[in-house]
Protein backbone atom coordinates (compact mmCIF):
# COMPACT_ATOMS: atom_id res chain seq x y z
CA MET A 1 30.93 -5.39 -15.52
CA ASN A 2 28.66 -7.26 -17.90
CA TYR A 3 25.29 -7.67 -16.21
CA THR A 4 24.06 -10.22 -18.76
CA SER A 5 26.95 -12.56 -17.91
CA PHE A 6 25.43 -13.49 -14.57
CA PHE A 7 21.80 -12.64 -15.09
CA LEU A 8 20.83 -15.94 -16.77
CA PRO A 9 22.43 -18.26 -14.18
CA ASP A 10 20.92 -16.24 -11.34
CA LEU A 11 17.54 -16.33 -13.04
CA LEU A 12 17.69 -20.10 -13.32
CA PHE A 13 18.81 -20.30 -9.69
CA LEU A 14 15.86 -18.20 -8.52
CA LEU A 15 13.36 -20.21 -10.52
CA GLY A 16 14.47 -23.37 -8.77
CA ASN A 17 14.82 -21.89 -5.29
CA LEU A 18 12.04 -22.40 -2.75
CA SER A 19 12.71 -19.06 -1.07
CA ILE A 20 10.69 -17.34 -3.79
CA LEU A 21 7.92 -19.94 -3.70
CA PRO A 22 5.21 -17.34 -2.86
CA GLU A 23 6.07 -15.34 -5.98
CA ARG A 24 6.16 -18.47 -8.12
CA VAL A 25 2.69 -19.48 -6.89
CA LEU A 26 1.28 -16.09 -7.86
CA ILE A 27 2.89 -16.23 -11.30
CA ILE A 28 1.48 -19.71 -11.95
CA SER A 29 -1.90 -18.48 -10.75
CA LEU A 30 -2.02 -15.49 -13.08
CA ILE A 31 -1.06 -17.68 -16.04
CA THR A 32 -3.84 -20.10 -15.05
CA VAL A 33 -6.35 -17.25 -14.84
CA ILE A 34 -5.47 -16.13 -18.37
CA VAL A 35 -5.67 -19.65 -19.85
CA ILE A 36 -9.02 -20.46 -18.19
CA ASP A 37 -10.51 -17.12 -19.18
CA LEU A 38 -9.48 -17.61 -22.81
CA SER A 39 -10.80 -21.17 -22.80
CA ASN A 40 -14.18 -20.28 -21.26
CA ARG A 41 -14.44 -16.91 -23.03
CA GLY A 42 -14.99 -15.07 -19.75
CA ARG A 43 -18.00 -17.09 -18.58
CA ASN A 44 -16.76 -18.91 -15.47
CA THR A 45 -15.85 -15.91 -13.30
CA ILE A 46 -16.44 -17.65 -9.97
CA LEU A 47 -13.74 -20.22 -10.81
CA LEU A 48 -11.23 -17.46 -11.57
CA HIS A 49 -12.09 -15.79 -8.30
CA ARG A 50 -11.51 -19.01 -6.35
CA ILE A 51 -8.25 -19.78 -8.13
CA SER A 52 -6.82 -16.38 -7.26
CA LEU A 53 -7.89 -16.61 -3.61
CA VAL A 54 -6.52 -20.16 -3.24
CA SER A 55 -3.18 -19.17 -4.78
CA MET A 56 -2.87 -16.15 -2.50
CA SER A 57 -3.71 -18.30 0.51
CA ILE A 58 -1.03 -20.82 -0.49
CA SER A 59 1.47 -17.97 -0.87
CA VAL A 60 0.60 -16.67 2.60
CA ILE A 61 1.10 -20.14 4.13
CA ALA A 62 4.38 -20.64 2.24
CA SER A 63 5.67 -17.26 3.37
CA LEU A 64 4.76 -17.93 7.00
CA CYS A 65 6.38 -21.36 6.93
CA GLN A 66 9.59 -20.01 5.43
CA TRP A 67 9.67 -17.20 7.95
CA GLY A 68 9.08 -19.59 10.83
CA ILE A 69 11.83 -22.00 9.79
CA HIS A 70 14.47 -19.21 9.67
CA SER A 71 16.73 -21.46 7.62
CA VAL A 72 15.83 -20.19 4.17
CA SER A 73 18.67 -18.24 2.63
CA VAL A 74 19.48 -17.15 -0.88
CA ALA A 75 23.07 -16.93 -2.09
CA SER A 76 22.30 -15.12 -5.34
CA GLU A 77 23.74 -11.64 -5.79
CA ASN A 78 20.35 -10.45 -7.03
CA CYS A 79 18.35 -11.66 -4.04
CA SER A 80 18.63 -10.97 -0.31
CA ILE A 81 15.78 -12.24 1.88
CA SER A 82 15.71 -11.10 5.51
CA ASN A 83 13.13 -10.63 8.26
CA PHE A 84 12.30 -7.28 6.68
CA SER A 85 11.57 -9.02 3.37
CA TYR A 86 9.38 -11.66 4.99
CA ILE A 87 7.32 -9.05 6.84
CA PHE A 88 6.63 -6.85 3.82
CA ARG A 89 5.95 -9.81 1.55
CA LEU A 90 3.37 -10.94 4.07
CA PHE A 91 1.82 -7.47 4.13
CA LEU A 92 1.41 -7.53 0.36
CA LEU A 93 -0.07 -11.01 0.50
CA ILE A 94 -2.58 -9.80 3.09
CA CYS A 95 -3.63 -6.84 0.95
CA SER A 96 -4.25 -8.79 -2.24
CA PRO A 97 -6.86 -11.36 -1.09
CA LEU A 98 -8.67 -8.77 1.04
CA SER A 99 -8.96 -6.54 -2.02
CA VAL A 100 -10.14 -9.42 -4.20
CA LEU A 101 -12.86 -10.29 -1.68
CA LEU A 102 -14.19 -6.75 -2.01
CA SER A 103 -13.94 -6.66 -5.77
CA VAL A 104 -15.88 -9.51 -7.32
CA ASP A 105 -19.41 -8.17 -6.98
CA TYR A 106 -18.36 -4.59 -7.67
CA ILE A 107 -16.39 -5.47 -10.81
CA ARG A 108 -19.31 -7.57 -12.07
CA CYS A 109 -21.76 -4.74 -11.49
CA SER A 110 -19.61 -2.32 -13.45
CA LYS A 111 -19.76 -4.67 -16.49
CA THR A 112 -15.98 -5.08 -16.65
CA VAL A 113 -13.83 -8.19 -17.04
CA LEU A 114 -12.95 -9.94 -13.79
CA ALA A 115 -10.04 -11.88 -15.31
CA GLU A 116 -8.21 -8.66 -16.20
CA PHE A 117 -8.69 -7.34 -12.69
CA LEU A 118 -7.32 -10.54 -11.11
CA PHE A 119 -4.41 -10.63 -13.55
CA PHE A 120 -3.29 -7.10 -12.69
CA VAL A 121 -3.79 -7.66 -8.95
CA LEU A 122 -1.60 -10.76 -9.06
CA THR A 123 0.99 -8.99 -11.22
CA ALA A 124 1.16 -5.92 -8.98
CA GLY A 125 1.43 -8.13 -5.91
CA SER A 126 4.25 -10.16 -7.46
CA GLY A 127 6.17 -7.02 -8.44
CA GLY A 128 5.80 -5.56 -4.97
CA MET A 129 7.02 -8.79 -3.36
CA VAL A 130 10.14 -8.81 -5.55
CA LEU A 131 10.86 -5.26 -4.36
CA CYS A 132 11.10 -6.59 -0.82
CA TRP A 133 14.11 -8.81 -1.54
CA ALA A 134 15.72 -7.54 -4.77
CA ASN A 135 19.40 -6.82 -4.17
CA ASP A 136 20.48 -4.96 -7.30
CA LEU A 137 19.41 -1.76 -9.01
CA VAL A 138 18.15 -3.39 -12.22
CA THR A 139 15.91 -5.90 -10.43
CA LEU A 140 14.58 -3.15 -8.15
CA TYR A 141 13.68 -0.96 -11.10
CA ALA A 142 12.09 -3.79 -13.08
CA ALA A 143 10.00 -4.90 -10.09
CA LEU A 144 8.94 -1.32 -9.38
CA GLU A 145 7.78 -0.83 -12.96
CA LEU A 146 5.92 -4.14 -12.92
CA SER A 147 4.02 -3.07 -9.82
CA SER A 148 3.45 0.52 -10.99
CA LEU A 149 2.23 -0.33 -14.48
CA SER A 150 -0.13 -3.00 -13.17
CA SER A 151 -1.61 -0.49 -10.71
CA CYS A 152 -1.89 2.03 -13.53
CA PHE A 153 -3.81 -0.40 -15.73
CA LEU A 154 -6.07 -1.22 -12.80
CA SER A 155 -6.97 2.45 -12.43
CA GLY A 156 -8.29 2.37 -16.00
CA HIS A 157 -10.16 -0.89 -15.56
CA THR A 158 -13.52 0.65 -16.48
CA LYS A 159 -12.51 1.57 -20.00
CA LYS A 160 -15.81 3.26 -20.93
CA ASP A 161 -15.68 5.68 -18.00
CA ILE A 162 -14.20 9.06 -18.97
CA ARG A 163 -13.16 9.84 -15.40
CA SER A 164 -11.35 6.52 -15.16
CA ASN A 165 -9.49 7.20 -18.41
CA GLU A 166 -8.45 10.62 -17.15
CA ALA A 167 -7.24 9.12 -13.87
CA THR A 168 -5.21 6.52 -15.76
CA THR A 169 -3.57 9.19 -17.91
CA LYS A 170 -2.55 11.21 -14.86
CA PHE A 171 -1.32 8.11 -13.09
CA LEU A 172 0.71 6.98 -16.12
CA LEU A 173 2.33 10.40 -16.65
CA MET A 174 3.22 10.83 -12.99
CA SER A 175 4.51 7.26 -12.75
CA GLY A 176 6.68 7.77 -15.82
CA ALA A 177 8.07 11.00 -14.39
CA SER A 178 8.91 9.35 -11.07
CA SER A 179 10.63 6.45 -12.84
CA SER A 180 12.74 8.93 -14.80
CA PHE A 181 13.82 10.64 -11.59
CA LEU A 182 14.72 7.28 -10.08
CA LEU A 183 16.84 6.30 -13.08
CA TYR A 184 18.64 9.64 -12.90
CA GLY A 185 19.36 8.83 -9.27
CA PHE A 186 20.66 5.35 -10.06
CA SER A 187 22.95 6.46 -12.90
CA PRO A 188 25.54 8.34 -10.76
CA LEU A 189 25.60 5.45 -8.30
CA TYR A 190 26.45 3.02 -11.07
CA GLY A 191 29.25 5.22 -12.39
CA ILE A 192 30.81 6.24 -9.07
CA SER A 193 30.83 2.70 -7.67
CA GLY A 194 32.73 1.39 -10.69
CA GLY A 195 29.82 -0.33 -12.44
CA GLN A 196 28.43 -2.14 -9.41
CA LEU A 197 24.74 -3.06 -9.33
CA GLN A 198 24.34 -4.89 -6.01
CA LEU A 199 23.19 -2.58 -3.22
CA ASP A 200 25.92 -3.50 -0.72
CA LYS A 201 28.70 -3.31 -3.30
CA THR A 202 27.36 0.00 -4.57
CA ALA A 203 27.49 1.42 -1.04
CA ASP A 204 31.07 0.15 -0.54
CA GLY A 205 32.16 1.69 -3.83
CA LEU A 206 30.92 5.21 -3.10
CA SER A 207 33.73 7.70 -2.48
CA LEU A 208 32.21 10.60 -0.55
CA SER A 209 35.39 12.65 -0.53
CA GLN A 210 35.84 12.63 -4.31
CA TYR A 211 32.25 12.54 -5.55
CA LEU A 212 30.24 14.30 -2.84
CA VAL A 213 28.30 16.45 -5.32
CA ALA A 214 27.41 13.44 -7.48
CA VAL A 215 26.30 11.43 -4.45
CA CYS A 216 24.12 14.29 -3.18
CA THR A 217 22.62 14.64 -6.66
CA SER A 218 21.84 10.94 -6.64
CA ILE A 219 20.18 11.25 -3.23
CA ALA A 220 18.05 14.15 -4.47
CA PHE A 221 16.81 12.33 -7.58
CA THR A 222 16.33 9.03 -5.75
CA THR A 223 14.31 10.79 -3.04
CA ALA A 224 12.11 12.48 -5.65
CA GLY A 225 11.62 9.23 -7.56
CA THR A 226 10.67 7.19 -4.51
CA ALA A 227 8.52 9.96 -2.98
CA PHE A 228 6.11 9.77 -5.92
CA LYS A 229 5.08 6.21 -5.10
CA PRO A 230 3.87 6.71 -1.50
CA SER A 231 2.52 10.20 -2.38
CA LEU A 232 4.69 12.36 -0.17
CA VAL A 233 4.10 16.10 -0.57
CA PRO A 234 4.86 17.77 -3.01
CA PHE A 235 4.81 14.60 -5.15
CA HIS A 236 1.23 13.78 -4.20
CA GLN A 237 -0.74 15.52 -6.96
CA TRP A 238 -1.88 12.34 -8.68
CA THR A 239 -3.31 10.62 -5.60
CA PRO A 240 -6.62 12.47 -4.94
CA ASP A 241 -7.45 12.77 -8.65
CA VAL A 242 -6.77 9.10 -9.31
CA CYS A 243 -8.66 7.93 -6.20
CA GLU A 244 -11.71 10.01 -7.13
CA GLY A 245 -11.57 9.22 -10.84
CA VAL A 246 -11.23 5.44 -10.55
CA SER A 247 -14.75 4.01 -10.65
CA PRO A 248 -14.26 0.56 -9.03
CA THR A 249 -13.75 1.35 -5.34
CA PRO A 250 -11.94 -1.99 -4.68
CA VAL A 251 -9.31 -0.90 -7.20
CA VAL A 252 -8.70 2.24 -5.16
CA ALA A 253 -8.55 0.11 -2.01
CA PHE A 254 -5.96 -2.19 -3.59
CA PHE A 255 -3.39 0.28 -4.80
CA SER A 256 -3.97 2.70 -1.91
CA VAL A 257 -2.28 0.12 0.33
CA THR A 258 -0.28 -2.08 -2.06
CA SER A 259 1.58 0.74 -3.81
CA LYS A 260 2.42 2.38 -0.50
CA ILE A 261 3.71 -0.83 1.08
CA ALA A 262 5.88 -1.58 -1.96
CA ALA A 263 7.15 2.02 -1.98
CA LEU A 264 8.01 1.83 1.73
CA ALA A 265 9.96 -1.38 1.17
CA LEU A 266 11.83 0.22 -1.74
CA PHE A 267 12.54 3.44 0.16
CA THR A 268 13.83 1.84 3.35
CA ARG A 269 16.02 -0.70 1.58
CA LEU A 270 17.51 1.84 -0.84
CA PHE A 271 18.40 4.45 1.74
CA GLY A 272 19.21 2.01 4.53
CA LEU A 273 21.66 0.02 2.41
CA ILE A 274 23.17 2.54 -0.02
CA PHE A 275 23.26 5.80 1.94
CA PRO A 276 23.87 4.81 5.58
CA TYR A 277 26.84 7.21 5.86
CA LEU A 278 24.78 10.19 4.68
CA SER A 279 21.83 9.58 7.00
CA ASN A 280 21.85 13.14 8.38
CA GLU A 281 21.44 14.64 4.90
CA TRP A 282 18.57 12.49 3.68
CA HIS A 283 16.93 12.43 7.12
CA ILE A 284 16.50 16.20 6.92
CA VAL A 285 14.94 16.02 3.46
CA VAL A 286 12.62 13.13 4.31
CA GLY A 287 11.64 14.82 7.57
CA LEU A 288 10.55 17.91 5.64
CA LEU A 289 8.57 15.79 3.17
CA ALA A 290 6.88 13.88 6.00
CA THR A 291 5.99 17.08 7.88
CA SER A 292 4.54 18.69 4.74
CA SER A 293 2.51 15.55 4.04
CA MET A 294 1.02 15.50 7.52
CA ILE A 295 0.03 19.18 7.39
CA LEU A 296 -1.32 19.34 3.85
CA GLY A 297 -3.04 15.95 3.89
CA ASN A 298 -5.07 16.66 7.02
CA LEU A 299 -5.93 20.29 6.26
CA ILE A 300 -7.24 19.61 2.75
CA ALA A 301 -9.17 16.50 3.86
CA VAL A 302 -11.40 18.72 6.02
CA THR A 303 -12.81 20.47 2.94
CA GLN A 304 -13.62 17.43 0.79
CA ILE A 305 -17.16 16.35 -0.17
CA SER A 306 -16.22 13.11 -1.98
CA MET A 307 -15.60 10.13 0.29
CA LYS A 308 -12.88 8.60 -1.88
CA ARG A 309 -11.13 11.95 -2.29
CA MET A 310 -11.43 12.58 1.43
CA LEU A 311 -9.74 9.23 2.13
CA ALA A 312 -6.96 10.02 -0.37
CA TYR A 313 -5.69 13.01 1.60
CA PRO A 314 -5.52 11.22 4.97
CA SER A 315 -3.56 8.45 3.24
CA ILE A 316 -0.98 11.12 2.34
CA SER A 317 -0.77 12.20 5.97
CA GLN A 318 -0.58 8.56 7.14
CA ILE A 319 2.54 8.08 5.02
CA GLY A 320 3.98 11.13 6.75
CA TYR A 321 3.41 9.43 10.10
CA ILE A 322 4.99 6.19 8.89
CA MET A 323 8.08 8.07 7.68
CA ILE A 324 8.75 9.08 11.28
CA GLY A 325 9.35 5.39 11.97
CA VAL A 326 11.73 5.16 9.00
CA LEU A 327 13.76 8.05 10.39
CA ALA A 328 13.71 6.60 13.91
CA ALA A 329 15.22 3.22 12.99
CA ASP A 330 17.85 2.06 15.48
CA PRO A 331 19.83 -1.16 16.00
CA GLU A 332 17.65 -2.30 18.91
CA ASN A 333 14.18 -1.74 17.51
CA GLY A 334 14.98 -1.53 13.82
CA TYR A 335 11.94 -0.50 11.87
CA ALA A 336 9.59 -1.97 14.49
CA SER A 337 7.48 1.17 14.98
CA MET A 338 7.09 1.74 11.24
CA ILE A 339 6.22 -1.90 10.52
CA THR A 340 3.75 -2.11 13.41
CA TYR A 341 1.86 0.99 12.35
CA THR A 342 1.91 -0.10 8.69
CA PHE A 343 0.22 -3.37 9.64
CA ILE A 344 -2.47 -1.50 11.60
CA TYR A 345 -2.91 0.98 8.74
CA ILE A 346 -3.53 -1.86 6.25
CA LEU A 347 -6.40 -3.23 8.31
CA MET A 348 -7.89 0.21 8.97
CA ASN A 349 -7.69 1.39 5.38
CA LEU A 350 -9.04 -1.77 3.75
CA GLY A 351 -11.88 -1.86 6.26
CA THR A 352 -12.80 1.73 5.44
CA PHE A 353 -12.93 0.96 1.73
CA ALA A 354 -15.09 -2.09 2.47
CA ARG A 355 -17.62 0.32 3.95
CA ILE A 356 -17.71 2.70 1.00
CA THR A 357 -17.75 -0.26 -1.43
CA SER A 358 -20.92 -1.55 0.20
CA PHE A 359 -22.47 1.92 0.24
CA GLY A 360 -21.53 2.52 -3.40
CA LEU A 361 -23.11 -0.78 -4.46
CA ARG A 362 -26.40 0.24 -2.87
CA THR A 363 -26.60 3.87 -3.90
CA GLY A 364 -24.13 4.49 -6.71
CA THR A 365 -22.96 7.67 -4.96
CA ASP A 366 -19.71 8.79 -3.37
CA ASN A 367 -20.88 12.02 -1.74
CA ILE A 368 -20.30 12.37 2.00
CA ARG A 369 -23.67 14.11 2.41
CA ASP A 370 -25.47 10.94 1.32
CA TYR A 371 -24.20 9.17 4.44
CA ALA A 372 -26.54 11.32 6.53
CA GLY A 373 -28.99 9.31 8.62
CA LEU A 374 -27.40 6.00 7.62
CA TYR A 375 -27.83 4.60 11.12
CA MET A 376 -31.61 4.44 10.71
CA LYS A 377 -31.32 2.54 7.42
CA ASP A 378 -28.36 0.23 8.01
CA PRO A 379 -26.96 -0.11 11.57
CA VAL A 380 -24.32 -2.68 10.51
CA LEU A 381 -22.85 -0.37 7.89
CA THR A 382 -22.72 2.34 10.54
CA PHE A 383 -21.15 0.04 13.12
CA SER A 384 -18.00 -0.45 11.02
CA PRO A 385 -16.83 3.21 10.83
CA VAL A 386 -17.77 3.79 14.47
CA LEU A 387 -15.06 1.26 15.39
CA ARG A 388 -12.56 2.12 12.65
CA SER A 389 -12.64 5.90 12.23
CA PRO A 390 -11.45 6.59 15.81
CA SER A 391 -8.60 4.17 15.13
CA LEU A 392 -7.58 6.11 12.01
CA GLY A 393 -7.71 9.34 13.98
CA GLY A 394 -5.68 7.94 16.85
CA ILE A 395 -8.39 8.01 19.52
CA PRO A 396 -7.93 5.43 22.32
CA PRO A 397 -8.54 2.56 22.84
CA PRO A 398 -8.49 1.22 19.21
CA SER A 399 -5.23 -0.06 17.75
CA GLY A 400 -4.49 3.13 15.81
CA PHE A 401 -3.87 4.96 19.08
CA PHE A 402 -1.31 2.43 20.31
CA GLY A 403 0.36 2.30 16.90
CA LYS A 404 0.74 6.07 16.78
CA LEU A 405 1.89 6.20 20.40
CA TYR A 406 4.66 3.70 19.73
CA LEU A 407 5.58 5.42 16.46
CA PHE A 408 5.73 8.93 17.91
CA TRP A 409 7.59 7.79 21.02
CA HIS A 410 10.41 6.28 18.98
CA GLY A 411 10.46 9.34 16.75
CA TRP A 412 10.84 11.54 19.82
CA LYS A 413 13.66 9.36 21.22
CA ALA A 414 15.43 9.55 17.84
CA GLY A 415 15.37 13.35 17.95
CA SER A 416 12.65 14.02 15.35
CA TYR A 417 11.05 16.62 17.61
CA PRO A 418 9.51 18.90 14.92
CA SER A 419 7.98 15.97 13.00
CA VAL A 420 6.50 14.41 16.14
CA LEU A 421 5.00 17.71 17.33
CA VAL A 422 3.44 18.32 13.91
CA ALA A 423 2.15 14.73 13.89
CA LEU A 424 0.43 15.25 17.25
CA VAL A 425 -1.28 18.45 16.12
CA THR A 426 -2.38 17.07 12.75
CA SER A 427 -3.71 13.90 14.40
CA VAL A 428 -6.08 16.11 16.39
CA ILE A 429 -7.22 17.70 13.10
CA SER A 430 -7.87 14.26 11.62
CA ILE A 431 -10.12 13.39 14.57
CA TYR A 432 -12.41 16.25 13.52
CA TYR A 433 -13.25 15.03 10.02
CA TYR A 434 -13.53 11.38 11.07
CA LEU A 435 -15.94 12.21 13.89
CA LYS A 436 -17.84 14.54 11.57
CA ILE A 437 -18.76 11.58 9.36
CA ILE A 438 -19.88 9.52 12.37
CA LYS A 439 -22.02 12.40 13.60
CA LEU A 440 -23.54 12.78 10.13
CA MET A 441 -24.53 9.11 10.01
CA PHE A 442 -26.28 9.30 13.38
CA THR A 443 -27.84 12.77 13.39
CA GLY A 444 -27.89 13.99 9.79
CA LYS A 445 -30.95 14.12 7.56
CA ASN A 446 -30.59 12.83 4.03
CA GLU A 447 -32.43 14.83 1.38
CA ARG A 448 -32.34 11.88 -1.03
CA SER A 449 -35.23 9.57 -0.27
CA ASP A 450 -33.77 6.70 -2.26
CA ALA A 451 -30.30 6.72 -0.72
CA SER A 452 -29.02 3.55 0.88
CA THR A 453 -32.16 1.62 0.01
CA THR A 454 -31.51 -0.23 -3.22
CA TYR A 455 -28.87 -2.60 -4.44
CA ILE A 456 -27.51 -2.87 -7.90
CA GLN A 457 -29.31 -5.86 -9.33
CA ASN A 458 -26.84 -7.15 -11.89
CA SER A 459 -24.39 -8.53 -9.33
CA LEU A 460 -22.51 -11.78 -9.33
CA VAL A 461 -24.59 -13.09 -6.43
CA SER A 462 -28.01 -12.25 -5.11
CA PRO A 463 -28.38 -8.92 -3.26
CA SER A 464 -29.04 -10.59 0.08
CA ILE A 465 -25.90 -12.72 -0.14
CA SER A 466 -23.88 -9.73 -1.32
CA LYS A 467 -25.14 -7.70 1.60
CA SER A 468 -24.35 -10.46 4.09
CA SER A 469 -20.84 -11.18 2.79
CA ILE A 470 -19.77 -7.55 2.66
CA GLU A 471 -21.19 -6.85 6.10
CA ILE A 472 -19.33 -9.86 7.55
CA ALA A 473 -16.15 -8.61 5.90
CA MET A 474 -16.64 -5.15 7.40
CA ILE A 475 -17.23 -6.55 10.89
CA ILE A 476 -14.14 -8.77 10.67
CA ARG A 477 -11.96 -5.87 9.57
CA ALA A 478 -13.45 -3.58 12.19
CA LEU A 479 -12.52 -6.12 14.87
CA ALA A 480 -9.12 -6.63 13.24
CA SER A 481 -8.52 -2.90 13.57
CA ILE A 482 -9.04 -3.17 17.33
CA LEU A 483 -7.38 -6.48 18.23
CA PRO A 484 -3.82 -5.41 17.24
CA GLY A 485 -4.09 -2.75 19.94
CA ILE A 486 -4.63 -5.48 22.53
CA LEU A 487 -1.83 -7.61 21.05
CA ILE A 488 0.54 -4.71 20.43
CA ASP A 489 3.43 -6.14 22.51
CA PRO A 490 3.69 -9.47 20.59
CA ILE A 491 3.48 -7.59 17.28
CA ILE A 492 6.26 -5.23 18.34
CA GLY A 493 8.38 -8.20 19.44
CA ILE A 494 8.01 -9.83 16.03
CA THR A 495 8.99 -6.68 14.13
CA ARG A 496 12.15 -5.90 16.12
CA ASN A 497 15.66 -6.50 14.79
CA THR A 498 14.77 -5.79 11.16
CA LEU A 499 17.65 -3.53 10.16
CA PHE A 500 18.50 -5.76 7.17
């Protein structure tokens, strides 16, 4: 089968189809950002910031309208848009503007170029959105590389920082290795299925009786390649080093959620569409990876002294929790438990990074010990983690508790007893290090007399405005981490029936 024979007509069809309007808006926006930056020689940064936010807002509205109409369909062999695609596209569109809102002042303070940051954010978001509806192996791989490379370049955004350069090198090497594994997994599928590239046709062409060894080999390599992206143990080595080494905290916030959402979309669509008849085999492997991630992520997080590194390990364990929902998918509920908890995790994680972004702007430090006594110096900054940290740990009544309850209950009904039991125990461990930070902020004594007292002066806006805007953002996200718990039933109803 000659792939180039139908690639050009399908490409022209997609460019003229309104179903990919959100992606087209982002692409036009990133081109506009480049042109304006070159024309103004990097002077008008506020305009670039507004253009990116407006384009993302338009994409969100377009995605919601298309989803609400339920009449948008794509006949191309390379594109398959379903409720699952709409939900994950919306998640990515939520992450991008929230990350940009955190980034402007921080990027300006670090003396880096805002246009480059916005360009890579828009590119990574576009690549992740294509992953949600791509229907053939080539498009999936190209979209994954677009998202991964953009995130990699973002990690090295502060070019003069040695730690950032080291983090970028590790990220690039690990990303290249994972892509190689994924290609090795795709190659047997292409050969066994008779040269098919579409996911459904590839699944129909697999002959388990004749090529069982080749199919199992493909599953092994595909699992390894996709496990790198969400940082499942033992493919997690890059995550803590990259999160600690990347200087701009908003960059860490962006790809800590965006890369994981895109990886989840890729993982569920690949295994749900290509390997449905070998679910027992890959369920066992993924269950072991999820269990290892929950144990290792929570245990190592207890010993960390860097806030960003401490948040990196819980993110590994959170992916382990979410994988329980992937394994528990059923025709009635679909991926409802996984999608619901992913939505709650986005709000919780971005809100947490909003807190450490504000603290880093004022002090220039990332050490957990410097948060001691923060309540006496900044009650608003303390108020945010008091609401959000219990939600991350799964303490009632915040939304994280209801999300985990729904997730674990479906995992238990699906028969994932070992994974659910480990998740319950490790959730108790996570409560310890989250509450330890809250206790430190209220009762600890800071040995640094200048901590949490000064702002960086070379910001895009005045310190008072910066303080007000970031604090408002933290309060909104803290409330957003609680409200989904109250509205959990409508959210679950929306996310049902999403088995492609």
